[in-house]
């Protein structure tokens, strides 16, 4: 059994910051890559950022320069530092974990609201 849990959502003002974290635990083998996705009301889930086990990161254009993804491999934990938040960043943010055997796991999501 594998559990993927996100933490850190909440309310921020435009221009503010939030930090999300995601931890994978349980019967999980080596993690290949971890990523963040988000889904705004009435929209499709979209990719936000990905980080490999070697630390190589990639970002969606919408968040590039504002969000920073990082991970702590021994702890199977990933972070998303979100700065200069905009109202359009409001969404449920989901953690995605892909193992070396290409099994994929999702967290339940954490709500981020950006509003004045």
C-alpha atoms as a PDB file:
ATOM      1  CA  UNK A   1       0.000   0.000   0.000  1.00  0.00           C
ATOM      2  CA  UNK A   2       1.315   3.429  -0.982  1.00  0.00           C
ATOM      3  CA  UNK A   3       0.159   6.700   0.484  1.00  0.00           C
ATOM      4  CA  UNK A   4       0.765  10.072  -1.096  1.00  0.00           C
ATOM      5  CA  UNK A   5      -0.191  13.073   1.021  1.00  0.00           C
ATOM      6  CA  UNK A   6       0.002  16.772   0.254  1.00  0.00           C
ATOM      7  CA  UNK A   7       0.313  19.543   2.844  1.00  0.00           C
ATOM      8  CA  UNK A   8       0.425  23.306   2.812  1.00  0.00           C
ATOM      9  CA  UNK A   9      -2.535  24.567   0.871  1.00  0.00           C
ATOM     10  CA  UNK A  10      -4.516  27.552   2.045  1.00  0.00           C
ATOM     11  CA  UNK A  11      -5.355  31.146   1.310  1.00  0.00           C
ATOM     12  CA  UNK A  12      -2.885  33.708   0.031  1.00  0.00           C
ATOM     13  CA  UNK A  13      -3.219  37.235  -1.275  1.00  0.00           C
ATOM     14  CA  UNK A  14      -2.160  38.100  -4.808  1.00  0.00           C
ATOM     15  CA  UNK A  15       1.585  38.555  -4.785  1.00  0.00           C
ATOM     16  CA  UNK A  16       1.921  36.335  -1.748  1.00  0.00           C
ATOM     17  CA  UNK A  17       3.565  32.964  -1.225  1.00  0.00           C
ATOM     18  CA  UNK A  18       2.685  29.447  -0.179  1.00  0.00           C
ATOM     19  CA  UNK A  19       4.741  26.285   0.151  1.00  0.00           C
ATOM     20  CA  UNK A  20       3.292  22.888  -0.625  1.00  0.00           C
ATOM     21  CA  UNK A  21       4.826  19.593   0.353  1.00  0.00           C
ATOM     22  CA  UNK A  22       4.132  16.026  -0.653  1.00  0.00           C
ATOM     23  CA  UNK A  23       5.303  12.838   1.015  1.00  0.00           C
ATOM     24  CA  UNK A  24       5.083   9.306  -0.340  1.00  0.00           C
ATOM     25  CA  UNK A  25       5.145   6.430   2.132  1.00  0.00           C
ATOM     26  CA  UNK A  26       4.356   2.761   2.382  1.00  0.00           C
ATOM     27  CA  UNK A  27       5.426  -0.107   0.138  1.00  0.00           C
ATOM     28  CA  UNK A  28       7.059   2.090  -2.428  1.00  0.00           C
ATOM     29  CA  UNK A  29      10.114   1.244  -4.418  1.00  0.00           C
ATOM     30  CA  UNK A  30      12.531   3.775  -5.782  1.00  0.00           C
ATOM     31  CA  UNK A  31      10.846   6.943  -6.995  1.00  0.00           C
ATOM     32  CA  UNK A  32      11.775   8.108 -10.462  1.00  0.00           C
ATOM     33  CA  UNK A  33      10.061  11.444 -10.719  1.00  0.00           C
ATOM     34  CA  UNK A  34       7.623  13.514  -8.731  1.00  0.00           C
ATOM     35  CA  UNK A  35       5.404  16.261  -9.977  1.00  0.00           C
ATOM     36  CA  UNK A  36       2.640  18.707  -9.259  1.00  0.00           C
ATOM     37  CA  UNK A  37      -0.578  19.097 -11.168  1.00  0.00           C
ATOM     38  CA  UNK A  38      -3.502  21.395 -10.536  1.00  0.00           C
ATOM     39  CA  UNK A  39      -7.162  21.591 -11.384  1.00  0.00           C
ATOM     40  CA  UNK A  40      -9.149  24.791 -11.270  1.00  0.00           C
ATOM     41  CA  UNK A  41     -12.959  24.778 -11.069  1.00  0.00           C
ATOM     42  CA  UNK A  42     -14.469  23.865 -14.408  1.00  0.00           C
ATOM     43  CA  UNK A  43     -11.096  23.151 -16.000  1.00  0.00           C
ATOM     44  CA  UNK A  44      -9.033  20.112 -16.889  1.00  0.00           C
ATOM     45  CA  UNK A  45      -6.218  19.011 -14.620  1.00  0.00           C
ATOM     46  CA  UNK A  46      -2.977  20.561 -15.853  1.00  0.00           C
ATOM     47  CA  UNK A  47       0.666  19.861 -15.284  1.00  0.00           C
ATOM     48  CA  UNK A  48       2.582  22.382 -13.160  1.00  0.00           C
ATOM     49  CA  UNK A  49       6.094  21.057 -12.575  1.00  0.00           C
ATOM     50  CA  UNK A  50       8.181  17.889 -12.437  1.00  0.00           C
ATOM     51  CA  UNK A  51      11.429  16.965 -10.769  1.00  0.00           C
ATOM     52  CA  UNK A  52      13.504  13.858 -11.439  1.00  0.00           C
ATOM     53  CA  UNK A  53      15.452  11.822  -8.919  1.00  0.00           C
ATOM     54  CA  UNK A  54      18.553  13.607 -10.115  1.00  0.00           C
ATOM     55  CA  UNK A  55      17.041  16.996  -9.383  1.00  0.00           C
ATOM     56  CA  UNK A  56      16.273  18.071 -12.927  1.00  0.00           C
ATOM     57  CA  UNK A  57      13.190  20.315 -12.872  1.00  0.00           C
ATOM     58  CA  UNK A  58      10.754  21.434 -15.511  1.00  0.00           C
ATOM     59  CA  UNK A  59       7.897  23.914 -15.294  1.00  0.00           C
ATOM     60  CA  UNK A  60       4.765  24.899 -17.127  1.00  0.00           C
ATOM     61  CA  UNK A  61       5.067  28.307 -18.761  1.00  0.00           C
ATOM     62  CA  UNK A  62       2.304  29.668 -16.525  1.00  0.00           C
ATOM     63  CA  UNK A  63       4.411  29.195 -13.385  1.00  0.00           C
ATOM     64  CA  UNK A  64       7.959  29.476 -14.679  1.00  0.00           C
ATOM     65  CA  UNK A  65       9.943  32.029 -12.712  1.00  0.00           C
ATOM     66  CA  UNK A  66       7.423  32.088  -9.863  1.00  0.00           C
ATOM     67  CA  UNK A  67       7.300  28.492  -8.626  1.00  0.00           C
ATOM     68  CA  UNK A  68      10.221  26.341  -7.524  1.00  0.00           C
ATOM     69  CA  UNK A  69      10.057  22.571  -7.193  1.00  0.00           C
ATOM     70  CA  UNK A  70      12.496  20.638  -5.015  1.00  0.00           C
ATOM     71  CA  UNK A  71      12.730  17.253  -3.348  1.00  0.00           C
ATOM     72  CA  UNK A  72      14.356  15.373  -0.498  1.00  0.00           C
ATOM     73  CA  UNK A  73      15.021  11.912  -1.902  1.00  0.00           C
ATOM     74  CA  UNK A  74      15.746  10.052   1.371  1.00  0.00           C
ATOM     75  CA  UNK A  75      12.457  11.341   2.765  1.00  0.00           C
ATOM     76  CA  UNK A  76      10.444  10.705  -0.441  1.00  0.00           C
ATOM     77  CA  UNK A  77       9.260  14.275  -0.075  1.00  0.00           C
ATOM     78  CA  UNK A  78       8.755  16.995  -2.639  1.00  0.00           C
ATOM     79  CA  UNK A  79       8.098  20.704  -2.224  1.00  0.00           C
ATOM     80  CA  UNK A  80       6.590  23.468  -4.320  1.00  0.00           C
ATOM     81  CA  UNK A  81       7.499  27.009  -3.336  1.00  0.00           C
ATOM     82  CA  UNK A  82       4.937  29.302  -4.908  1.00  0.00           C
ATOM     83  CA  UNK A  83       5.778  33.009  -5.041  1.00  0.00           C
ATOM     84  CA  UNK A  84       4.097  35.976  -6.704  1.00  0.00           C
ATOM     85  CA  UNK A  85       0.815  34.133  -6.581  1.00  0.00           C
ATOM     86  CA  UNK A  86      -1.988  35.188  -8.898  1.00  0.00           C
ATOM     87  CA  UNK A  87      -5.736  34.602  -8.658  1.00  0.00           C
ATOM     88  CA  UNK A  88      -5.446  32.252 -11.619  1.00  0.00           C
ATOM     89  CA  UNK A  89      -3.242  29.986  -9.499  1.00  0.00           C
ATOM     90  CA  UNK A  90      -6.339  29.091  -7.493  1.00  0.00           C
ATOM     91  CA  UNK A  91      -6.853  25.354  -7.847  1.00  0.00           C
ATOM     92  CA  UNK A  92      -6.603  22.014  -6.148  1.00  0.00           C
ATOM     93  CA  UNK A  93      -2.960  20.957  -6.337  1.00  0.00           C
ATOM     94  CA  UNK A  94      -2.167  17.262  -6.706  1.00  0.00           C
ATOM     95  CA  UNK A  95       1.061  15.413  -6.102  1.00  0.00           C
ATOM     96  CA  UNK A  96       2.062  12.772  -8.631  1.00  0.00           C
ATOM     97  CA  UNK A  97       4.651  10.082  -7.925  1.00  0.00           C
ATOM     98  CA  UNK A  98       6.139   7.788 -10.581  1.00  0.00           C
ATOM     99  CA  UNK A  99       8.349   4.895  -9.498  1.00  0.00           C
ATOM    100  CA  UNK A 100      11.265   3.351 -11.360  1.00  0.00           C
ATOM    101  CA  UNK A 101       8.882   0.568 -12.429  1.00  0.00           C
ATOM    102  CA  UNK A 102       6.600   3.267 -13.867  1.00  0.00           C
ATOM    103  CA  UNK A 103       3.798   2.794 -11.370  1.00  0.00           C
ATOM    104  CA  UNK A 104       1.965   6.025 -10.755  1.00  0.00           C
ATOM    105  CA  UNK A 105       0.355   7.338  -7.586  1.00  0.00           C
ATOM    106  CA  UNK A 106      -1.681  10.446  -6.808  1.00  0.00           C
ATOM    107  CA  UNK A 107      -2.400  12.342  -3.651  1.00  0.00           C
ATOM    108  CA  UNK A 108      -5.858  13.533  -2.661  1.00  0.00           C
ATOM    109  CA  UNK A 109      -5.040  17.151  -3.407  1.00  0.00           C
ATOM    110  CA  UNK A 110      -4.716  20.346  -1.412  1.00  0.00           C
ATOM    111  CA  UNK A 111      -6.692  23.509  -2.077  1.00  0.00           C
ATOM    112  CA  UNK A 112      -4.895  26.745  -2.893  1.00  0.00           C
ATOM    113  CA  UNK A 113      -6.906  29.956  -3.004  1.00  0.00           C
ATOM    114  CA  UNK A 114      -5.413  33.252  -4.109  1.00  0.00           C
ATOM    115  CA  UNK A 115      -7.688  36.158  -3.384  1.00  0.00           C
ATOM    116  CA  UNK A 116      -7.670  39.608  -1.860  1.00  0.00           C
END
